[in-house]
Amino acid sequence: MLRSATLVIAAIGIVLGLVAFFAWHVSGAIVAVCWGALIAAGIVFERVRYKPTDTANPGGDFEPTTERFLDEDGRAVTVWIDRKTGERKYVAG
């Protein structure tokens, strides 16, 4: 919900910036378009940064940690770590 609302606000900023540009308010247009594009890019590419959660225990050299949190869907997630490599996996449940 918040993600969608933020994208709408960013799109409005871009559109208003383009309207200002065509009305010859170039400096204000550049600011509005840049901020709108930065916010939209941050929201869109935010999904790339975070690892997806698995549904099964990873096995191998991974062991569960005491770190737990609720993901954006409200599911409990446990962090598993491979102490040799430092790799972390996130397991729902």
Protein backbone atom coordinates (compact mmCIF):
# COMPACT_ATOMS: atom_id res chain seq x y z
CA MET A 1 0.00 0.00 0.00
CA LEU A 2 2.70 2.49 1.01
CA ARG A 3 4.83 1.37 -1.92
CA SER A 4 2.01 2.04 -4.38
CA ALA A 5 1.19 5.41 -2.85
CA THR A 6 4.85 6.44 -3.05
CA LEU A 7 5.02 5.42 -6.70
CA VAL A 8 1.89 7.48 -7.43
CA ILE A 9 3.40 10.52 -5.71
CA ALA A 10 6.64 10.07 -7.69
CA ALA A 11 4.67 9.80 -10.95
CA ILE A 12 2.74 12.97 -10.09
CA GLY A 13 6.06 14.76 -9.48
CA ILE A 14 7.37 13.64 -12.85
CA VAL A 15 4.20 14.68 -14.68
CA LEU A 16 4.09 18.07 -12.96
CA GLY A 17 7.76 18.55 -13.80
CA LEU A 18 7.09 17.82 -17.46
CA VAL A 19 4.15 20.23 -17.46
CA ALA A 20 6.38 22.91 -15.90
CA PHE A 21 9.05 22.22 -18.50
CA PHE A 22 6.65 22.81 -21.35
CA ALA A 23 5.43 25.98 -19.60
CA TRP A 24 9.06 27.23 -19.68
CA HIS A 25 9.71 26.86 -15.93
CA VAL A 26 12.85 24.87 -16.60
CA SER A 27 14.59 25.04 -13.20
CA GLY A 28 11.50 23.93 -11.29
CA ALA A 29 10.81 21.27 -13.89
CA ILE A 30 14.28 19.77 -13.55
CA VAL A 31 13.94 19.56 -9.77
CA ALA A 32 10.48 17.94 -9.91
CA VAL A 33 11.43 15.41 -12.58
CA CYS A 34 14.70 14.47 -10.86
CA TRP A 35 13.09 13.98 -7.44
CA GLY A 36 10.21 12.02 -8.93
CA ALA A 37 12.57 9.80 -10.91
CA LEU A 38 14.84 9.20 -7.90
CA ILE A 39 11.92 8.24 -5.67
CA ALA A 40 10.42 5.96 -8.33
CA ALA A 41 13.78 4.29 -9.01
CA GLY A 42 14.34 3.74 -5.30
CA ILE A 43 10.97 2.06 -4.89
CA VAL A 44 11.28 -0.07 -8.03
CA PHE A 45 14.85 -1.23 -7.44
CA GLU A 46 14.35 -1.75 -3.70
CA ARG A 47 13.05 -5.24 -4.49
CA VAL A 48 16.34 -6.13 -6.17
CA ARG A 49 18.40 -5.36 -3.07
CA TYR A 50 16.61 -7.62 -0.61
CA LYS A 51 16.89 -11.39 -0.83
CA PRO A 52 13.70 -13.42 -1.19
CA THR A 53 12.64 -15.69 1.65
CA ASP A 54 12.84 -19.46 1.30
CA THR A 55 10.18 -21.81 2.63
CA ALA A 56 12.45 -24.76 3.50
CA ASN A 57 15.49 -24.97 5.75
CA PRO A 58 18.64 -24.56 3.63
CA GLY A 59 20.52 -27.56 5.08
CA GLY A 60 24.23 -28.04 4.42
CA ASP A 61 26.46 -25.95 6.70
CA PHE A 62 23.69 -23.46 7.45
CA GLU A 63 22.53 -23.10 11.04
CA PRO A 64 19.71 -20.96 12.44
CA THR A 65 20.52 -17.78 14.33
CA THR A 66 18.48 -16.08 17.05
CA GLU A 67 17.67 -13.28 14.59
CA ARG A 68 13.99 -13.24 13.66
CA PHE A 69 11.72 -10.62 12.14
CA LEU A 70 8.38 -10.17 10.41
CA ASP A 71 8.53 -9.67 6.65
CA GLU A 72 6.30 -7.26 4.75
CA ASP A 73 3.56 -9.90 4.54
CA GLY A 74 3.59 -10.41 8.33
CA ARG A 75 5.29 -13.83 8.17
CA ALA A 76 7.92 -14.72 10.77
CA VAL A 77 11.37 -15.10 9.16
CA THR A 78 14.39 -16.85 10.68
CA VAL A 79 17.91 -15.99 9.55
CA TRP A 80 20.22 -18.92 8.79
CA ILE A 81 23.97 -18.46 8.37
CA ASP A 82 26.88 -20.45 6.96
CA ARG A 83 29.67 -19.53 9.37
CA LYS A 84 32.38 -20.57 6.88
CA THR A 85 31.32 -18.20 4.12
CA GLY A 86 29.15 -15.70 6.00
CA GLU A 87 26.28 -16.27 3.56
CA ARG A 88 22.84 -15.63 5.04
CA LYS A 89 19.51 -17.15 4.04
CA TYR A 90 16.08 -16.06 5.14
CA VAL A 91 13.53 -18.79 5.86
CA ALA A 92 9.85 -18.10 6.45
CA GLY A 93 8.15 -20.02 9.20
